[in-house]
Amino acid sequence: MAARSVNLTVEQGTDFTTTFTIKNPDGTVLPLTGYSCEAKLGKHPSASSTTSFTVSITAASGKITLTLTNSVTADLKPGRYYYDVVIESSGGSKTRVIEGMVLVTAGLAS
């Protein structure tokens, strides 16, 4: 399964949530029962410092929800970042399912 490319915009200092439905190559929903998930963003792919999304999985519907709280986004400097979402099966097989760029925009109010 090739990773789907999705670009995101995060407003600095606000709560951020997005949900993805993970599908098999034939277009059917991938049930995520027994899977774990990790999602991170960083300034570049080899960045030693990254920010982790809070991840929740709705297994039966194949949905993965990523969340960043306003206190986390307040600490992000405006600009472009890379992110990816990796799932791991109960057998230990890891698959990158989503990847892309995140644009963090600055705000005047906090």
N, C-alpha and C. Protein backbone atom coordinates (compact mmCIF):
# COMPACT_ATOMS: atom_id res chain seq x y z
N MET A 1 0.85 -1.17 0.00
CA MET A 1 0.00 0.00 0.00
C MET A 1 0.89 1.23 0.00
N ALA A 2 0.74 2.08 -0.98
CA ALA A 2 1.52 3.31 -1.07
C ALA A 2 0.92 4.38 -0.17
N ALA A 3 1.77 5.18 0.43
CA ALA A 3 1.30 6.25 1.31
C ALA A 3 0.56 7.31 0.49
N ARG A 4 -0.57 7.75 1.02
CA ARG A 4 -1.34 8.81 0.38
C ARG A 4 -0.74 10.15 0.81
N SER A 5 -0.60 11.08 -0.13
CA SER A 5 -0.04 12.39 0.16
C SER A 5 -1.17 13.39 0.43
N VAL A 6 -1.15 13.98 1.63
CA VAL A 6 -2.16 14.95 2.03
C VAL A 6 -1.45 16.10 2.73
N ASN A 7 -1.61 17.32 2.22
CA ASN A 7 -1.03 18.49 2.86
C ASN A 7 -2.04 19.10 3.84
N LEU A 8 -1.53 19.63 4.96
CA LEU A 8 -2.37 20.17 6.03
C LEU A 8 -1.96 21.61 6.35
N THR A 9 -2.90 22.36 6.93
CA THR A 9 -2.60 23.69 7.46
C THR A 9 -2.98 23.69 8.93
N VAL A 10 -2.05 24.14 9.78
CA VAL A 10 -2.27 24.24 11.22
C VAL A 10 -2.12 25.70 11.60
N GLU A 11 -3.11 26.24 12.29
CA GLU A 11 -3.04 27.62 12.75
C GLU A 11 -2.38 27.64 14.12
N GLN A 12 -1.28 28.37 14.22
CA GLN A 12 -0.50 28.44 15.46
C GLN A 12 -1.39 28.90 16.62
N GLY A 13 -1.28 28.22 17.77
CA GLY A 13 -2.00 28.61 18.97
C GLY A 13 -3.45 28.16 19.02
N THR A 14 -3.88 27.30 18.07
CA THR A 14 -5.26 26.80 18.07
C THR A 14 -5.25 25.28 18.13
N ASP A 15 -6.40 24.71 18.47
CA ASP A 15 -6.55 23.26 18.46
C ASP A 15 -6.67 22.77 17.01
N PHE A 16 -6.04 21.64 16.72
CA PHE A 16 -6.07 21.07 15.38
C PHE A 16 -6.49 19.62 15.45
N THR A 17 -7.42 19.23 14.58
CA THR A 17 -7.85 17.84 14.47
C THR A 17 -8.15 17.53 13.01
N THR A 18 -7.73 16.36 12.57
CA THR A 18 -8.09 15.87 11.25
C THR A 18 -8.26 14.36 11.32
N THR A 19 -9.12 13.83 10.47
CA THR A 19 -9.39 12.40 10.46
C THR A 19 -9.20 11.84 9.05
N PHE A 20 -8.55 10.69 8.98
CA PHE A 20 -8.33 9.99 7.72
C PHE A 20 -9.00 8.62 7.78
N THR A 21 -9.54 8.17 6.67
CA THR A 21 -10.02 6.80 6.54
C THR A 21 -8.98 6.03 5.74
N ILE A 22 -8.45 4.96 6.32
CA ILE A 22 -7.40 4.18 5.68
C ILE A 22 -8.06 3.09 4.84
N LYS A 23 -7.63 3.00 3.58
CA LYS A 23 -8.24 2.05 2.66
C LYS A 23 -7.20 1.11 2.07
N ASN A 24 -7.66 -0.08 1.72
CA ASN A 24 -6.84 -1.05 1.00
C ASN A 24 -6.65 -0.57 -0.43
N PRO A 25 -5.68 -1.15 -1.17
CA PRO A 25 -5.48 -0.76 -2.56
C PRO A 25 -6.74 -0.91 -3.43
N ASP A 26 -7.65 -1.82 -3.07
CA ASP A 26 -8.88 -2.00 -3.86
C ASP A 26 -9.98 -1.02 -3.48
N GLY A 27 -9.70 -0.09 -2.54
CA GLY A 27 -10.66 0.94 -2.17
C GLY A 27 -11.54 0.59 -0.98
N THR A 28 -11.45 -0.63 -0.48
CA THR A 28 -12.24 -1.00 0.70
C THR A 28 -11.56 -0.48 1.96
N VAL A 29 -12.34 -0.25 2.99
CA VAL A 29 -11.81 0.25 4.26
C VAL A 29 -10.94 -0.83 4.91
N LEU A 30 -9.78 -0.43 5.40
CA LEU A 30 -8.89 -1.34 6.13
C LEU A 30 -9.30 -1.34 7.60
N PRO A 31 -9.87 -2.45 8.10
CA PRO A 31 -10.20 -2.50 9.52
C PRO A 31 -8.90 -2.45 10.33
N LEU A 32 -8.82 -1.56 11.29
CA LEU A 32 -7.58 -1.34 12.04
C LEU A 32 -7.57 -2.05 13.39
N THR A 33 -8.36 -3.11 13.52
CA THR A 33 -8.36 -3.89 14.75
C THR A 33 -6.98 -4.49 14.97
N GLY A 34 -6.42 -4.27 16.15
CA GLY A 34 -5.10 -4.79 16.48
C GLY A 34 -3.95 -3.92 16.01
N TYR A 35 -4.23 -2.80 15.37
CA TYR A 35 -3.19 -1.89 14.89
C TYR A 35 -2.90 -0.80 15.93
N SER A 36 -1.67 -0.32 15.92
CA SER A 36 -1.31 0.89 16.65
C SER A 36 -0.88 1.92 15.60
N CYS A 37 -0.74 3.16 16.01
CA CYS A 37 -0.43 4.21 15.05
C CYS A 37 0.45 5.27 15.70
N GLU A 38 1.35 5.83 14.90
CA GLU A 38 2.20 6.92 15.34
C GLU A 38 2.23 7.97 14.23
N ALA A 39 2.15 9.24 14.62
CA ALA A 39 2.20 10.34 13.66
C ALA A 39 3.06 11.46 14.23
N LYS A 40 3.98 11.94 13.41
CA LYS A 40 4.91 12.99 13.86
C LYS A 40 5.07 14.04 12.77
N LEU A 41 5.48 15.24 13.20
CA LEU A 41 5.87 16.28 12.24
C LEU A 41 7.22 16.84 12.64
N GLY A 42 7.98 17.25 11.64
CA GLY A 42 9.30 17.81 11.86
C GLY A 42 9.65 18.78 10.74
N LYS A 43 10.66 19.60 10.97
CA LYS A 43 11.06 20.62 9.99
C LYS A 43 11.57 19.99 8.69
N HIS A 44 12.17 18.83 8.78
CA HIS A 44 12.63 18.12 7.58
C HIS A 44 12.64 16.63 7.91
N PRO A 45 12.69 15.77 6.88
CA PRO A 45 12.57 14.33 7.13
C PRO A 45 13.60 13.74 8.09
N SER A 46 14.78 14.32 8.18
CA SER A 46 15.80 13.77 9.08
C SER A 46 15.93 14.57 10.37
N ALA A 47 14.92 15.37 10.70
CA ALA A 47 14.96 16.21 11.91
C ALA A 47 15.09 15.36 13.16
N SER A 48 15.96 15.76 14.06
CA SER A 48 16.13 15.02 15.31
C SER A 48 15.06 15.43 16.33
N SER A 49 14.48 16.60 16.15
CA SER A 49 13.42 17.08 17.03
C SER A 49 12.10 17.03 16.26
N THR A 50 11.12 16.30 16.82
CA THR A 50 9.82 16.18 16.17
C THR A 50 8.71 16.45 17.19
N THR A 51 7.53 16.68 16.68
CA THR A 51 6.33 16.84 17.50
C THR A 51 5.39 15.70 17.18
N SER A 52 4.91 15.03 18.21
CA SER A 52 3.99 13.91 18.01
C SER A 52 2.54 14.38 18.07
N PHE A 53 1.74 13.88 17.15
CA PHE A 53 0.31 14.08 17.20
C PHE A 53 -0.26 13.12 18.24
N THR A 54 -1.35 13.49 18.90
CA THR A 54 -2.14 12.54 19.66
C THR A 54 -2.97 11.79 18.64
N VAL A 55 -2.95 10.46 18.72
CA VAL A 55 -3.61 9.63 17.70
C VAL A 55 -4.70 8.79 18.35
N SER A 56 -5.85 8.73 17.70
CA SER A 56 -6.89 7.79 18.12
C SER A 56 -7.34 7.01 16.89
N ILE A 57 -7.68 5.74 17.13
CA ILE A 57 -8.08 4.84 16.05
C ILE A 57 -9.51 4.37 16.30
N THR A 58 -10.35 4.46 15.26
CA THR A 58 -11.66 3.83 15.28
C THR A 58 -11.53 2.62 14.37
N ALA A 59 -11.25 1.47 14.98
CA ALA A 59 -10.80 0.29 14.25
C ALA A 59 -11.78 -0.19 13.18
N ALA A 60 -13.04 -0.35 13.52
CA ALA A 60 -14.00 -0.95 12.59
C ALA A 60 -14.19 -0.12 11.32
N SER A 61 -14.11 1.21 11.45
CA SER A 61 -14.32 2.07 10.29
C SER A 61 -13.01 2.50 9.63
N GLY A 62 -11.88 2.01 10.13
CA GLY A 62 -10.59 2.33 9.52
C GLY A 62 -10.18 3.78 9.65
N LYS A 63 -10.68 4.46 10.68
CA LYS A 63 -10.39 5.89 10.83
C LYS A 63 -9.27 6.15 11.83
N ILE A 64 -8.40 7.09 11.46
CA ILE A 64 -7.33 7.56 12.32
C ILE A 64 -7.52 9.07 12.49
N THR A 65 -7.59 9.51 13.75
CA THR A 65 -7.74 10.94 14.04
C THR A 65 -6.46 11.45 14.67
N LEU A 66 -5.94 12.55 14.11
CA LEU A 66 -4.74 13.21 14.62
C LEU A 66 -5.15 14.51 15.29
N THR A 67 -4.56 14.78 16.45
CA THR A 67 -4.89 15.98 17.20
C THR A 67 -3.63 16.65 17.73
N LEU A 68 -3.63 17.98 17.69
CA LEU A 68 -2.63 18.81 18.36
C LEU A 68 -3.39 19.83 19.19
N THR A 69 -3.04 19.96 20.47
CA THR A 69 -3.71 20.95 21.32
C THR A 69 -3.16 22.35 21.02
N ASN A 70 -3.89 23.37 21.49
CA ASN A 70 -3.45 24.75 21.25
C ASN A 70 -2.10 25.03 21.90
N SER A 71 -1.81 24.38 23.03
CA SER A 71 -0.52 24.62 23.67
C SER A 71 0.62 24.01 22.85
N VAL A 72 0.35 22.92 22.16
CA VAL A 72 1.37 22.31 21.29
C VAL A 72 1.57 23.16 20.04
N THR A 73 0.48 23.60 19.40
CA THR A 73 0.64 24.39 18.18
C THR A 73 1.23 25.77 18.47
N ALA A 74 1.03 26.27 19.70
CA ALA A 74 1.62 27.57 20.07
C ALA A 74 3.15 27.49 20.08
N ASP A 75 3.69 26.30 20.35
CA ASP A 75 5.15 26.12 20.39
C ASP A 75 5.77 25.89 19.01
N LEU A 76 4.93 25.68 17.99
CA LEU A 76 5.46 25.49 16.64
C LEU A 76 5.76 26.83 15.99
N LYS A 77 6.92 26.94 15.38
CA LYS A 77 7.26 28.16 14.66
C LYS A 77 6.54 28.15 13.32
N PRO A 78 6.04 29.31 12.86
CA PRO A 78 5.39 29.34 11.56
C PRO A 78 6.35 28.84 10.46
N GLY A 79 5.78 28.16 9.49
CA GLY A 79 6.58 27.67 8.38
C GLY A 79 6.12 26.29 7.92
N ARG A 80 6.93 25.67 7.07
CA ARG A 80 6.60 24.36 6.51
C ARG A 80 7.28 23.25 7.29
N TYR A 81 6.54 22.16 7.47
CA TYR A 81 7.01 20.97 8.15
C TYR A 81 6.64 19.75 7.30
N TYR A 82 7.27 18.63 7.58
CA TYR A 82 6.89 17.35 7.01
C TYR A 82 6.17 16.56 8.09
N TYR A 83 5.26 15.66 7.68
CA TYR A 83 4.64 14.76 8.65
C TYR A 83 4.38 13.42 8.00
N ASP A 84 4.23 12.40 8.81
CA ASP A 84 3.77 11.11 8.31
C ASP A 84 3.00 10.36 9.39
N VAL A 85 2.21 9.40 8.92
CA VAL A 85 1.38 8.57 9.78
C VAL A 85 1.76 7.12 9.47
N VAL A 86 2.21 6.40 10.50
CA VAL A 86 2.65 5.01 10.33
C VAL A 86 1.78 4.11 11.21
N ILE A 87 1.22 3.05 10.60
CA ILE A 87 0.47 2.08 11.37
C ILE A 87 1.32 0.83 11.56
N GLU A 88 1.07 0.13 12.66
CA GLU A 88 1.79 -1.11 12.94
C GLU A 88 0.77 -2.19 13.28
N SER A 89 0.86 -3.30 12.54
CA SER A 89 -0.06 -4.42 12.78
C SER A 89 0.34 -5.14 14.06
N SER A 90 -0.54 -6.00 14.55
CA SER A 90 -0.24 -6.77 15.76
C SER A 90 0.95 -7.69 15.54
N GLY A 91 1.25 -8.01 14.28
CA GLY A 91 2.41 -8.84 13.95
C GLY A 91 3.70 -8.06 13.82
N GLY A 92 3.64 -6.73 13.97
CA GLY A 92 4.85 -5.90 13.93
C GLY A 92 5.17 -5.28 12.58
N SER A 93 4.33 -5.49 11.58
CA SER A 93 4.56 -4.91 10.26
C SER A 93 4.16 -3.44 10.26
N LYS A 94 5.08 -2.56 9.85
CA LYS A 94 4.82 -1.12 9.83
C LYS A 94 4.60 -0.65 8.40
N THR A 95 3.60 0.24 8.24
CA THR A 95 3.26 0.79 6.93
C THR A 95 3.00 2.28 7.07
N ARG A 96 3.65 3.08 6.23
CA ARG A 96 3.35 4.51 6.19
C ARG A 96 2.10 4.66 5.32
N VAL A 97 1.03 5.22 5.91
CA VAL A 97 -0.23 5.31 5.19
C VAL A 97 -0.56 6.73 4.71
N ILE A 98 -0.04 7.74 5.40
CA ILE A 98 -0.26 9.14 5.03
C ILE A 98 1.06 9.88 5.19
N GLU A 99 1.33 10.80 4.28
CA GLU A 99 2.50 11.67 4.40
C GLU A 99 2.18 12.99 3.72
N GLY A 100 2.96 14.01 4.04
CA GLY A 100 2.74 15.29 3.37
C GLY A 100 3.45 16.42 4.08
N MET A 101 3.02 17.61 3.72
CA MET A 101 3.56 18.84 4.29
C MET A 101 2.51 19.45 5.21
N VAL A 102 3.01 20.14 6.24
CA VAL A 102 2.14 20.91 7.14
C VAL A 102 2.60 22.36 7.07
N LEU A 103 1.67 23.25 6.79
CA LEU A 103 1.96 24.68 6.83
C LEU A 103 1.43 25.20 8.16
N VAL A 104 2.32 25.70 9.01
CA VAL A 104 1.92 26.31 10.27
C VAL A 104 1.86 27.81 10.04
N THR A 105 0.66 28.38 10.23
CA THR A 105 0.47 29.81 10.01
C THR A 105 0.45 30.55 11.33
N ALA A 106 1.01 31.75 11.34
CA ALA A 106 1.07 32.57 12.55
C ALA A 106 -0.25 33.30 12.76
N GLY A 107 -0.53 33.58 14.01
CA GLY A 107 -1.72 34.36 14.34
C GLY A 107 -1.35 35.53 15.22
N LEU A 108 -2.22 36.50 15.31
CA LEU A 108 -1.98 37.67 16.14
C LEU A 108 -2.56 37.52 17.52
N ALA A 109 -3.68 36.79 17.62
CA ALA A 109 -4.33 36.58 18.93
C ALA A 109 -3.85 35.26 19.50
N SER A 110 -3.85 35.14 20.81
CA SER A 110 -3.44 33.88 21.42
C SER A 110 -4.52 33.29 22.27
